[in-house]
Amino acid sequence: MDDYDRLRLSIQSALVGSVTDDLVAVTCSIECKHLTIEAYFEGAVGPYELEFVRGITREVMAGFSDKYTSESRCYSIQQREPQMLDFWAFLRAGATGHRRAATTGPRLVAS
């Protein structure tokens, strides 16, 4: 499994049972052994939201070796429009005018 697929699987597993009513979107990227996870929330971002994103990042990083680094960020959608990194791990239906076409679909692999 390549890093991109591992990230997709890890973030989805980390989000199971963790999506709250105020979570609008989660997007991720991986480049040169560096993972970035961004979460967007409805309303103000406070200690709970910051800890939520840090916890998700810790869970994701558990599937990668010590050679990888990470950063996590969270934003209020009132202050910043959600922007997709490599892919949407979670995007609430109707979130801030984004269309389903903006998400990445499954990667096709020739067999």
PDB file of N, CA and C in Angstrom:
ATOM      1  N   MET A   1       0.851  -1.174   0.000  1.00  0.00           N
ATOM      2  CA  MET A   1       0.000   0.000   0.000  1.00  0.00           C
ATOM      3  C   MET A   1       0.903   1.245   0.000  1.00  0.00           C
ATOM      4  N   ASP A   2       0.612   2.185  -0.887  1.00  0.00           N
ATOM      5  CA  ASP A   2       1.430   3.397  -0.916  1.00  0.00           C
ATOM      6  C   ASP A   2       0.975   4.381   0.167  1.00  0.00           C
ATOM      7  N   ASP A   3       1.779   5.431   0.371  1.00  0.00           N
ATOM      8  CA  ASP A   3       1.499   6.400   1.432  1.00  0.00           C
ATOM      9  C   ASP A   3       0.147   7.074   1.272  1.00  0.00           C
ATOM     10  N   TYR A   4      -0.205   7.412   0.046  1.00  0.00           N
ATOM     11  CA  TYR A   4      -1.477   8.090  -0.222  1.00  0.00           C
ATOM     12  C   TYR A   4      -2.649   7.201   0.211  1.00  0.00           C
ATOM     13  N   ASP A   5      -2.615   5.943  -0.185  1.00  0.00           N
ATOM     14  CA  ASP A   5      -3.684   5.023   0.194  1.00  0.00           C
ATOM     15  C   ASP A   5      -3.697   4.773   1.698  1.00  0.00           C
ATOM     16  N   ARG A   6      -2.517   4.674   2.303  1.00  0.00           N
ATOM     17  CA  ARG A   6      -2.445   4.485   3.756  1.00  0.00           C
ATOM     18  C   ARG A   6      -3.068   5.672   4.485  1.00  0.00           C
ATOM     19  N   LEU A   7      -2.793   6.882   3.991  1.00  0.00           N
ATOM     20  CA  LEU A   7      -3.389   8.076   4.596  1.00  0.00           C
ATOM     21  C   LEU A   7      -4.898   8.054   4.454  1.00  0.00           C
ATOM     22  N   ARG A   8      -5.395   7.712   3.275  1.00  0.00           N
ATOM     23  CA  ARG A   8      -6.847   7.654   3.062  1.00  0.00           C
ATOM     24  C   ARG A   8      -7.509   6.666   4.027  1.00  0.00           C
ATOM     25  N   LEU A   9      -6.928   5.504   4.165  1.00  0.00           N
ATOM     26  CA  LEU A   9      -7.483   4.486   5.058  1.00  0.00           C
ATOM     27  C   LEU A   9      -7.377   4.919   6.521  1.00  0.00           C
ATOM     28  N   SER A  10      -6.229   5.465   6.895  1.00  0.00           N
ATOM     29  CA  SER A  10      -6.006   5.868   8.289  1.00  0.00           C
ATOM     30  C   SER A  10      -6.940   6.993   8.722  1.00  0.00           C
ATOM     31  N   ILE A  11      -7.125   7.997   7.871  1.00  0.00           N
ATOM     32  CA  ILE A  11      -7.988   9.122   8.254  1.00  0.00           C
ATOM     33  C   ILE A  11      -9.440   8.670   8.339  1.00  0.00           C
ATOM     34  N   GLN A  12      -9.869   7.801   7.440  1.00  0.00           N
ATOM     35  CA  GLN A  12     -11.243   7.309   7.505  1.00  0.00           C
ATOM     36  C   GLN A  12     -11.466   6.514   8.791  1.00  0.00           C
ATOM     37  N   SER A  13     -10.508   5.675   9.148  1.00  0.00           N
ATOM     38  CA  SER A  13     -10.618   4.898  10.391  1.00  0.00           C
ATOM     39  C   SER A  13     -10.651   5.816  11.605  1.00  0.00           C
ATOM     40  N   ALA A  14      -9.817   6.855  11.589  1.00  0.00           N
ATOM     41  CA  ALA A  14      -9.765   7.783  12.720  1.00  0.00           C
ATOM     42  C   ALA A  14     -11.057   8.570  12.874  1.00  0.00           C
ATOM     43  N   LEU A  15     -11.751   8.817  11.774  1.00  0.00           N
ATOM     44  CA  LEU A  15     -12.982   9.611  11.831  1.00  0.00           C
ATOM     45  C   LEU A  15     -14.223   8.811  12.229  1.00  0.00           C
ATOM     46  N   VAL A  16     -14.154   7.488  12.126  1.00  0.00           N
ATOM     47  CA  VAL A  16     -15.318   6.664  12.460  1.00  0.00           C
ATOM     48  C   VAL A  16     -15.751   6.941  13.898  1.00  0.00           C
ATOM     49  N   GLY A  17     -16.984   7.344  14.067  1.00  0.00           N
ATOM     50  CA  GLY A  17     -17.536   7.631  15.382  1.00  0.00           C
ATOM     51  C   GLY A  17     -17.105   8.957  15.981  1.00  0.00           C
ATOM     52  N   SER A  18     -16.351   9.765  15.223  1.00  0.00           N
ATOM     53  CA  SER A  18     -15.838  11.022  15.765  1.00  0.00           C
ATOM     54  C   SER A  18     -16.456  12.268  15.157  1.00  0.00           C
ATOM     55  N   VAL A  19     -17.248  12.118  14.117  1.00  0.00           N
ATOM     56  CA  VAL A  19     -17.824  13.277  13.432  1.00  0.00           C
ATOM     57  C   VAL A  19     -18.897  13.909  14.317  1.00  0.00           C
ATOM     58  N   THR A  20     -18.723  15.194  14.592  1.00  0.00           N
ATOM     59  CA  THR A  20     -19.664  15.932  15.434  1.00  0.00           C
ATOM     60  C   THR A  20     -20.551  16.816  14.567  1.00  0.00           C
ATOM     61  N   ASP A  21     -21.596  17.370  15.162  1.00  0.00           N
ATOM     62  CA  ASP A  21     -22.529  18.220  14.421  1.00  0.00           C
ATOM     63  C   ASP A  21     -21.881  19.486  13.879  1.00  0.00           C
ATOM     64  N   ASP A  22     -20.828  19.962  14.547  1.00  0.00           N
ATOM     65  CA  ASP A  22     -20.195  21.200  14.089  1.00  0.00           C
ATOM     66  C   ASP A  22     -19.020  20.983  13.136  1.00  0.00           C
ATOM     67  N   LEU A  23     -18.644  19.723  12.889  1.00  0.00           N
ATOM     68  CA  LEU A  23     -17.589  19.426  11.930  1.00  0.00           C
ATOM     69  C   LEU A  23     -18.148  19.533  10.518  1.00  0.00           C
ATOM     70  N   VAL A  24     -17.519  20.339   9.688  1.00  0.00           N
ATOM     71  CA  VAL A  24     -17.991  20.579   8.322  1.00  0.00           C
ATOM     72  C   VAL A  24     -17.155  19.812   7.313  1.00  0.00           C
ATOM     73  N   ALA A  25     -15.834  19.778   7.506  1.00  0.00           N
ATOM     74  CA  ALA A  25     -14.964  19.131   6.523  1.00  0.00           C
ATOM     75  C   ALA A  25     -13.629  18.756   7.152  1.00  0.00           C
ATOM     76  N   VAL A  26     -13.037  17.700   6.597  1.00  0.00           N
ATOM     77  CA  VAL A  26     -11.676  17.305   6.941  1.00  0.00           C
ATOM     78  C   VAL A  26     -10.969  16.983   5.631  1.00  0.00           C
ATOM     79  N   THR A  27      -9.805  17.557   5.446  1.00  0.00           N
ATOM     80  CA  THR A  27      -9.021  17.328   4.237  1.00  0.00           C
ATOM     81  C   THR A  27      -7.595  16.992   4.624  1.00  0.00           C
ATOM     82  N   CYS A  28      -6.906  16.245   3.762  1.00  0.00           N
ATOM     83  CA  CYS A  28      -5.569  15.755   4.085  1.00  0.00           C
ATOM     84  C   CYS A  28      -4.650  15.860   2.876  1.00  0.00           C
ATOM     85  N   SER A  29      -3.363  15.857   3.181  1.00  0.00           N
ATOM     86  CA  SER A  29      -2.364  15.747   2.117  1.00  0.00           C
ATOM     87  C   SER A  29      -1.141  15.026   2.662  1.00  0.00           C
ATOM     88  N   ILE A  30      -0.368  14.482   1.741  1.00  0.00           N
ATOM     89  CA  ILE A  30       0.906  13.869   2.096  1.00  0.00           C
ATOM     90  C   ILE A  30       1.903  14.222   1.002  1.00  0.00           C
ATOM     91  N   GLU A  31       3.062  14.695   1.445  1.00  0.00           N
ATOM     92  CA  GLU A  31       4.113  15.069   0.515  1.00  0.00           C
ATOM     93  C   GLU A  31       5.459  14.947   1.230  1.00  0.00           C
ATOM     94  N   CYS A  32       6.362  14.229   0.623  1.00  0.00           N
ATOM     95  CA  CYS A  32       7.727  14.065   1.171  1.00  0.00           C
ATOM     96  C   CYS A  32       7.705  13.650   2.641  1.00  0.00           C
ATOM     97  N   LYS A  33       6.916  12.634   2.954  1.00  0.00           N
ATOM     98  CA  LYS A  33       6.819  12.092   4.319  1.00  0.00           C
ATOM     99  C   LYS A  33       6.298  13.112   5.333  1.00  0.00           C
ATOM    100  N   HIS A  34       5.498  14.059   4.852  1.00  0.00           N
ATOM    101  CA  HIS A  34       4.870  15.050   5.732  1.00  0.00           C
ATOM    102  C   HIS A  34       3.364  15.024   5.498  1.00  0.00           C
ATOM    103  N   LEU A  35       2.599  14.789   6.569  1.00  0.00           N
ATOM    104  CA  LEU A  35       1.145  14.737   6.505  1.00  0.00           C
ATOM    105  C   LEU A  35       0.562  16.036   7.025  1.00  0.00           C
ATOM    106  N   THR A  36      -0.454  16.515   6.343  1.00  0.00           N
ATOM    107  CA  THR A  36      -1.191  17.691   6.796  1.00  0.00           C
ATOM    108  C   THR A  36      -2.658  17.315   6.886  1.00  0.00           C
ATOM    109  N   ILE A  37      -3.266  17.641   8.013  1.00  0.00           N
ATOM    110  CA  ILE A  37      -4.690  17.395   8.223  1.00  0.00           C
ATOM    111  C   ILE A  37      -5.322  18.717   8.630  1.00  0.00           C
ATOM    112  N   GLU A  38      -6.360  19.104   7.905  1.00  0.00           N
ATOM    113  CA  GLU A  38      -7.093  20.327   8.221  1.00  0.00           C
ATOM    114  C   GLU A  38      -8.554  19.979   8.468  1.00  0.00           C
ATOM    115  N   ALA A  39      -9.118  20.592   9.496  1.00  0.00           N
ATOM    116  CA  ALA A  39     -10.538  20.411   9.807  1.00  0.00           C
ATOM    117  C   ALA A  39     -11.204  21.774   9.825  1.00  0.00           C
ATOM    118  N   TYR A  40     -12.434  21.807   9.356  1.00  0.00           N
ATOM    119  CA  TYR A  40     -13.233  23.027   9.317  1.00  0.00           C
ATOM    120  C   TYR A  40     -14.479  22.813  10.162  1.00  0.00           C
ATOM    121  N   PHE A  41     -14.769  23.808  11.009  1.00  0.00           N
ATOM    122  CA  PHE A  41     -15.885  23.718  11.935  1.00  0.00           C
ATOM    123  C   PHE A  41     -16.861  24.858  11.727  1.00  0.00           C
ATOM    124  N   GLU A  42     -18.109  24.599  12.041  1.00  0.00           N
ATOM    125  CA  GLU A  42     -19.140  25.635  12.101  1.00  0.00           C
ATOM    126  C   GLU A  42     -18.974  26.332  13.437  1.00  0.00           C
ATOM    127  N   GLY A  43     -18.843  27.641  13.421  1.00  0.00           N
ATOM    128  CA  GLY A  43     -18.688  28.388  14.670  1.00  0.00           C
ATOM    129  C   GLY A  43     -17.227  28.580  15.040  1.00  0.00           C
ATOM    130  N   ALA A  44     -17.042  29.080  16.245  1.00  0.00           N
ATOM    131  CA  ALA A  44     -15.695  29.410  16.723  1.00  0.00           C
ATOM    132  C   ALA A  44     -14.866  28.153  16.963  1.00  0.00           C
ATOM    133  N   VAL A  45     -13.570  28.283  16.764  1.00  0.00           N
ATOM    134  CA  VAL A  45     -12.632  27.201  17.038  1.00  0.00           C
ATOM    135  C   VAL A  45     -12.019  27.446  18.411  1.00  0.00           C
ATOM    136  N   GLY A  46     -12.147  26.462  19.275  1.00  0.00           N
ATOM    137  CA  GLY A  46     -11.624  26.572  20.633  1.00  0.00           C
ATOM    138  C   GLY A  46     -10.806  25.353  21.002  1.00  0.00           C
ATOM    139  N   PRO A  47     -10.540  25.170  22.282  1.00  0.00           N
ATOM    140  CA  PRO A  47      -9.714  24.054  22.745  1.00  0.00           C
ATOM    141  C   PRO A  47     -10.262  22.680  22.349  1.00  0.00           C
ATOM    142  N   TYR A  48     -11.580  22.505  22.361  1.00  0.00           N
ATOM    143  CA  TYR A  48     -12.165  21.203  21.991  1.00  0.00           C
ATOM    144  C   TYR A  48     -11.843  20.863  20.536  1.00  0.00           C
ATOM    145  N   GLU A  49     -12.022  21.823  19.655  1.00  0.00           N
ATOM    146  CA  GLU A  49     -11.788  21.598  18.233  1.00  0.00           C
ATOM    147  C   GLU A  49     -10.303  21.324  17.961  1.00  0.00           C
ATOM    148  N   LEU A  50      -9.434  22.088  18.632  1.00  0.00           N
ATOM    149  CA  LEU A  50      -7.998  21.865  18.473  1.00  0.00           C
ATOM    150  C   LEU A  50      -7.602  20.466  18.931  1.00  0.00           C
ATOM    151  N   GLU A  51      -8.117  20.035  20.059  1.00  0.00           N
ATOM    152  CA  GLU A  51      -7.801  18.704  20.570  1.00  0.00           C
ATOM    153  C   GLU A  51      -8.380  17.618  19.675  1.00  0.00           C
ATOM    154  N   PHE A  52      -9.567  17.848  19.116  1.00  0.00           N
ATOM    155  CA  PHE A  52     -10.164  16.896  18.178  1.00  0.00           C
ATOM    156  C   PHE A  52      -9.204  16.643  17.012  1.00  0.00           C
ATOM    157  N   VAL A  53      -8.706  17.707  16.386  1.00  0.00           N
ATOM    158  CA  VAL A  53      -7.817  17.577  15.225  1.00  0.00           C
ATOM    159  C   VAL A  53      -6.494  16.941  15.630  1.00  0.00           C
ATOM    160  N   ARG A  54      -5.964  17.315  16.786  1.00  0.00           N
ATOM    161  CA  ARG A  54      -4.719  16.698  17.260  1.00  0.00           C
ATOM    162  C   ARG A  54      -4.907  15.198  17.522  1.00  0.00           C
ATOM    163  N   GLY A  55      -6.055  14.828  18.079  1.00  0.00           N
ATOM    164  CA  GLY A  55      -6.339  13.415  18.338  1.00  0.00           C
ATOM    165  C   GLY A  55      -6.447  12.612  17.058  1.00  0.00           C
ATOM    166  N   ILE A  56      -7.132  13.157  16.068  1.00  0.00           N
ATOM    167  CA  ILE A  56      -7.245  12.493  14.772  1.00  0.00           C
ATOM    168  C   ILE A  56      -5.851  12.340  14.160  1.00  0.00           C
ATOM    169  N   THR A  57      -5.049  13.383  14.242  1.00  0.00           N
ATOM    170  CA  THR A  57      -3.688  13.340  13.690  1.00  0.00           C
ATOM    171  C   THR A  57      -2.853  12.272  14.384  1.00  0.00           C
ATOM    172  N   ARG A  58      -2.967  12.164  15.706  1.00  0.00           N
ATOM    173  CA  ARG A  58      -2.220  11.130  16.440  1.00  0.00           C
ATOM    174  C   ARG A  58      -2.623   9.732  15.970  1.00  0.00           C
ATOM    175  N   GLU A  59      -3.926   9.521  15.791  1.00  0.00           N
ATOM    176  CA  GLU A  59      -4.399   8.209  15.321  1.00  0.00           C
ATOM    177  C   GLU A  59      -3.855   7.894  13.939  1.00  0.00           C
ATOM    178  N   VAL A  60      -3.878   8.877  13.056  1.00  0.00           N
ATOM    179  CA  VAL A  60      -3.369   8.677  11.698  1.00  0.00           C
ATOM    180  C   VAL A  60      -1.879   8.381  11.728  1.00  0.00           C
ATOM    181  N   MET A  61      -1.124   9.147  12.510  1.00  0.00           N
ATOM    182  CA  MET A  61       0.322   8.984  12.563  1.00  0.00           C
ATOM    183  C   MET A  61       0.739   7.627  13.119  1.00  0.00           C
ATOM    184  N   ALA A  62      -0.118   6.981  13.878  1.00  0.00           N
ATOM    185  CA  ALA A  62       0.204   5.663  14.431  1.00  0.00           C
ATOM    186  C   ALA A  62       0.441   4.638  13.318  1.00  0.00           C
ATOM    187  N   GLY A  63      -0.116   4.888  12.139  1.00  0.00           N
ATOM    188  CA  GLY A  63       0.071   3.977  11.015  1.00  0.00           C
ATOM    189  C   GLY A  63       1.287   4.275  10.163  1.00  0.00           C
ATOM    190  N   PHE A  64       2.075   5.260  10.545  1.00  0.00           N
ATOM    191  CA  PHE A  64       3.256   5.655   9.778  1.00  0.00           C
ATOM    192  C   PHE A  64       4.492   5.552  10.662  1.00  0.00           C
ATOM    193  N   SER A  65       5.647   5.391  10.053  1.00  0.00           N
ATOM    194  CA  SER A  65       6.890   5.266  10.821  1.00  0.00           C
ATOM    195  C   SER A  65       7.314   6.615  11.418  1.00  0.00           C
ATOM    196  N   ASP A  66       8.318   6.562  12.257  1.00  0.00           N
ATOM    197  CA  ASP A  66       8.847   7.774  12.903  1.00  0.00           C
ATOM    198  C   ASP A  66       9.487   8.742  11.913  1.00  0.00           C
ATOM    199  N   LYS A  67       9.719   8.311  10.701  1.00  0.00           N
ATOM    200  CA  LYS A  67      10.339   9.161   9.684  1.00  0.00           C
ATOM    201  C   LYS A  67       9.357  10.188   9.120  1.00  0.00           C
ATOM    202  N   TYR A  68       8.074  10.061   9.466  1.00  0.00           N
ATOM    203  CA  TYR A  68       7.054  10.973   8.973  1.00  0.00           C
ATOM    204  C   TYR A  68       6.804  12.085   9.982  1.00  0.00           C
ATOM    205  N   THR A  69       6.473  13.238   9.469  1.00  0.00           N
ATOM    206  CA  THR A  69       6.089  14.365  10.309  1.00  0.00           C
ATOM    207  C   THR A  69       4.654  14.735   9.972  1.00  0.00           C
ATOM    208  N   SER A  70       4.053  15.546  10.838  1.00  0.00           N
ATOM    209  CA  SER A  70       2.666  15.935  10.587  1.00  0.00           C
ATOM    210  C   SER A  70       2.397  17.319  11.136  1.00  0.00           C
ATOM    211  N   GLU A  71       1.345  17.887  10.629  1.00  0.00           N
ATOM    212  CA  GLU A  71       0.806  19.119  11.198  1.00  0.00           C
ATOM    213  C   GLU A  71      -0.704  19.049  11.067  1.00  0.00           C
ATOM    214  N   SER A  72      -1.365  19.663  12.003  1.00  0.00           N
ATOM    215  CA  SER A  72      -2.824  19.702  11.976  1.00  0.00           C
ATOM    216  C   SER A  72      -3.264  21.146  12.174  1.00  0.00           C
ATOM    217  N   ARG A  73      -4.319  21.478  11.477  1.00  0.00           N
ATOM    218  CA  ARG A  73      -4.862  22.837  11.546  1.00  0.00           C
ATOM    219  C   ARG A  73      -6.376  22.740  11.628  1.00  0.00           C
ATOM    220  N   CYS A  74      -6.979  23.725  12.276  1.00  0.00           N
ATOM    221  CA  CYS A  74      -8.437  23.788  12.240  1.00  0.00           C
ATOM    222  C   CYS A  74      -8.877  25.228  12.071  1.00  0.00           C
ATOM    223  N   TYR A  75      -9.998  25.363  11.383  1.00  0.00           N
ATOM    224  CA  TYR A  75     -10.512  26.670  11.010  1.00  0.00           C
ATOM    225  C   TYR A  75     -12.021  26.727  11.234  1.00  0.00           C
ATOM    226  N   SER A  76     -12.514  27.923  11.401  1.00  0.00           N
ATOM    227  CA  SER A  76     -13.944  28.181  11.404  1.00  0.00           C
ATOM    228  C   SER A  76     -14.351  28.505   9.965  1.00  0.00           C
ATOM    229  N   ILE A  77     -15.439  27.940   9.489  1.00  0.00           N
ATOM    230  CA  ILE A  77     -15.862  28.244   8.124  1.00  0.00           C
ATOM    231  C   ILE A  77     -16.364  29.680   8.001  1.00  0.00           C
ATOM    232  N   GLN A  78     -16.623  30.331   9.129  1.00  0.00           N
ATOM    233  CA  GLN A  78     -17.006  31.731   9.085  1.00  0.00           C
ATOM    234  C   GLN A  78     -15.791  32.618   8.767  1.00  0.00           C
ATOM    235  N   GLN A  79     -14.598  32.099   8.988  1.00  0.00           N
ATOM    236  CA  GLN A  79     -13.382  32.874   8.746  1.00  0.00           C
ATOM    237  C   GLN A  79     -12.605  32.417   7.515  1.00  0.00           C
ATOM    238  N   ARG A  80     -12.830  31.171   7.103  1.00  0.00           N
ATOM    239  CA  ARG A  80     -12.078  30.639   5.961  1.00  0.00           C
ATOM    240  C   ARG A  80     -12.903  29.592   5.229  1.00  0.00           C
ATOM    241  N   GLU A  81     -13.025  29.758   3.942  1.00  0.00           N
ATOM    242  CA  GLU A  81     -13.724  28.795   3.087  1.00  0.00           C
ATOM    243  C   GLU A  81     -12.920  27.494   3.037  1.00  0.00           C
ATOM    244  N   PRO A  82     -13.562  26.340   3.211  1.00  0.00           N
ATOM    245  CA  PRO A  82     -12.826  25.075   3.119  1.00  0.00           C
ATOM    246  C   PRO A  82     -12.131  24.919   1.767  1.00  0.00           C
ATOM    247  N   GLN A  83     -10.884  24.499   1.827  1.00  0.00           N
ATOM    248  CA  GLN A  83     -10.081  24.272   0.632  1.00  0.00           C
ATOM    249  C   GLN A  83      -9.535  22.855   0.682  1.00  0.00           C
ATOM    250  N   MET A  84      -9.741  22.099  -0.377  1.00  0.00           N
ATOM    251  CA  MET A  84      -9.291  20.722  -0.423  1.00  0.00           C
ATOM    252  C   MET A  84      -7.778  20.651  -0.608  1.00  0.00           C
ATOM    253  N   LEU A  85      -7.132  19.808   0.180  1.00  0.00           N
ATOM    254  CA  LEU A  85      -5.714  19.517  -0.009  1.00  0.00           C
ATOM    255  C   LEU A  85      -5.638  18.403  -1.065  1.00  0.00           C
ATOM    256  N   ASP A  86      -5.107  17.218  -0.735  1.00  0.00           N
ATOM    257  CA  ASP A  86      -5.087  16.118  -1.699  1.00  0.00           C
ATOM    258  C   ASP A  86      -6.473  15.507  -1.897  1.00  0.00           C
ATOM    259  N   PHE A  87      -7.236  15.397  -0.808  1.00  0.00           N
ATOM    260  CA  PHE A  87      -8.573  14.806  -0.898  1.00  0.00           C
ATOM    261  C   PHE A  87      -9.395  15.204   0.316  1.00  0.00           C
ATOM    262  N   TRP A  88     -10.714  15.087   0.177  1.00  0.00           N
ATOM    263  CA  TRP A  88     -11.629  15.286   1.304  1.00  0.00           C
ATOM    264  C   TRP A  88     -11.762  13.950   2.024  1.00  0.00           C
ATOM    265  N   ALA A  89     -11.452  13.914   3.294  1.00  0.00           N
ATOM    266  CA  ALA A  89     -11.709  12.730   4.105  1.00  0.00           C
ATOM    267  C   ALA A  89     -13.157  12.758   4.591  1.00  0.00           C
ATOM    268  N   PHE A  90     -13.679  13.968   4.782  1.00  0.00           N
ATOM    269  CA  PHE A  90     -15.068  14.178   5.191  1.00  0.00           C
ATOM    270  C   PHE A  90     -15.502  15.528   4.655  1.00  0.00           C
ATOM    271  N   LEU A  91     -16.697  15.560   4.073  1.00  0.00           N
ATOM    272  CA  LEU A  91     -17.274  16.821   3.611  1.00  0.00           C
ATOM    273  C   LEU A  91     -18.777  16.731   3.810  1.00  0.00           C
ATOM    274  N   ARG A  92     -19.285  17.536   4.720  1.00  0.00           N
ATOM    275  CA  ARG A  92     -20.710  17.522   5.025  1.00  0.00           C
ATOM    276  C   ARG A  92     -21.501  17.939   3.790  1.00  0.00           C
ATOM    277  N   ALA A  93     -22.582  17.244   3.524  1.00  0.00           N
ATOM    278  CA  ALA A  93     -23.432  17.572   2.385  1.00  0.00           C
ATOM    279  C   ALA A  93     -23.868  19.027   2.452  1.00  0.00           C
ATOM    280  N   GLY A  94     -23.742  19.725   1.331  1.00  0.00           N
ATOM    281  CA  GLY A  94     -24.147  21.117   1.258  1.00  0.00           C
ATOM    282  C   GLY A  94     -23.193  22.088   1.917  1.00  0.00           C
ATOM    283  N   ALA A  95     -22.012  21.621   2.300  1.00  0.00           N
ATOM    284  CA  ALA A  95     -21.058  22.475   3.013  1.00  0.00           C
ATOM    285  C   ALA A  95     -20.577  23.621   2.139  1.00  0.00           C
ATOM    286  N   THR A  96     -20.925  24.817   2.547  1.00  0.00           N
ATOM    287  CA  THR A  96     -20.445  26.072   1.965  1.00  0.00           C
ATOM    288  C   THR A  96     -20.363  26.078   0.445  1.00  0.00           C
ATOM    289  N   GLY A  97     -21.362  25.534  -0.209  1.00  0.00           N
ATOM    290  CA  GLY A  97     -21.443  25.625  -1.657  1.00  0.00           C
ATOM    291  C   GLY A  97     -20.560  24.660  -2.418  1.00  0.00           C
ATOM    292  N   HIS A  98     -19.827  23.782  -1.735  1.00  0.00           N
ATOM    293  CA  HIS A  98     -19.003  22.822  -2.457  1.00  0.00           C
ATOM    294  C   HIS A  98     -19.885  21.782  -3.112  1.00  0.00           C
ATOM    295  N   ARG A  99     -19.509  21.395  -4.289  1.00  0.00           N
ATOM    296  CA  ARG A  99     -20.246  20.386  -5.037  1.00  0.00           C
ATOM    297  C   ARG A  99     -19.568  19.038  -4.867  1.00  0.00           C
ATOM    298  N   ARG A 100     -20.322  17.996  -5.041  1.00  0.00           N
ATOM    299  CA  ARG A 100     -19.780  16.642  -4.956  1.00  0.00           C
ATOM    300  C   ARG A 100     -18.622  16.445  -5.932  1.00  0.00           C
ATOM    301  N   ALA A 101     -18.646  17.103  -7.065  1.00  0.00           N
ATOM    302  CA  ALA A 101     -17.585  16.957  -8.060  1.00  0.00           C
ATOM    303  C   ALA A 101     -16.240  17.441  -7.534  1.00  0.00           C
ATOM    304  N   ALA A 102     -16.224  18.240  -6.488  1.00  0.00           N
ATOM    305  CA  ALA A 102     -14.965  18.742  -5.949  1.00  0.00           C
ATOM    306  C   ALA A 102     -14.211  17.680  -5.173  1.00  0.00           C
ATOM    307  N   THR A 103     -14.856  16.584  -4.826  1.00  0.00           N
ATOM    308  CA  THR A 103     -14.187  15.526  -4.080  1.00  0.00           C
ATOM    309  C   THR A 103     -13.479  14.594  -5.037  1.00  0.00           C
ATOM    310  N   THR A 104     -12.468  13.921  -4.549  1.00  0.00           N
ATOM    311  CA  THR A 104     -11.783  12.961  -5.389  1.00  0.00           C
ATOM    312  C   THR A 104     -12.484  11.638  -5.275  1.00  0.00           C
ATOM    313  N   GLY A 105     -12.602  10.965  -6.353  1.00  0.00           N
ATOM    314  CA  GLY A 105     -13.212   9.638  -6.371  1.00  0.00           C
ATOM    315  C   GLY A 105     -12.161   8.578  -6.158  1.00  0.00           C
ATOM    316  N   PRO A 106     -12.574   7.320  -6.294  1.00  0.00           N
ATOM    317  CA  PRO A 106     -11.609   6.244  -6.116  1.00  0.00           C
ATOM    318  C   PRO A 106     -10.545   6.307  -7.209  1.00  0.00           C
ATOM    319  N   ARG A 107      -9.325   5.974  -6.831  1.00  0.00           N
ATOM    320  CA  ARG A 107      -8.254   5.933  -7.809  1.00  0.00           C
ATOM    321  C   ARG A 107      -8.364   4.649  -8.593  1.00  0.00           C
ATOM    322  N   LEU A 108      -8.242   4.743  -9.894  1.00  0.00           N
ATOM    323  CA  LEU A 108      -8.308   3.559 -10.744  1.00  0.00           C
ATOM    324  C   LEU A 108      -6.920   2.992 -10.891  1.00  0.00           C
ATOM    325  N   VAL A 109      -6.830   1.688 -10.714  1.00  0.00           N
ATOM    326  CA  VAL A 109      -5.548   1.017 -10.832  1.00  0.00           C
ATOM    327  C   VAL A 109      -5.689  -0.068 -11.902  1.00  0.00           C
ATOM    328  N   ALA A 110      -4.815  -0.038 -12.877  1.00  0.00           N
ATOM    329  CA  ALA A 110      -4.848  -1.060 -13.926  1.00  0.00           C
ATOM    330  C   ALA A 110      -4.371  -2.378 -13.336  1.00  0.00           C
ATOM    331  N   SER A 111      -5.068  -3.441 -13.700  1.00  0.00           N
ATOM    332  CA  SER A 111      -4.642  -4.747 -13.184  1.00  0.00           C
ATOM    333  C   SER A 111      -4.118  -5.612 -14.295  1.00  0.00           C
TER     334      SER A 111
END
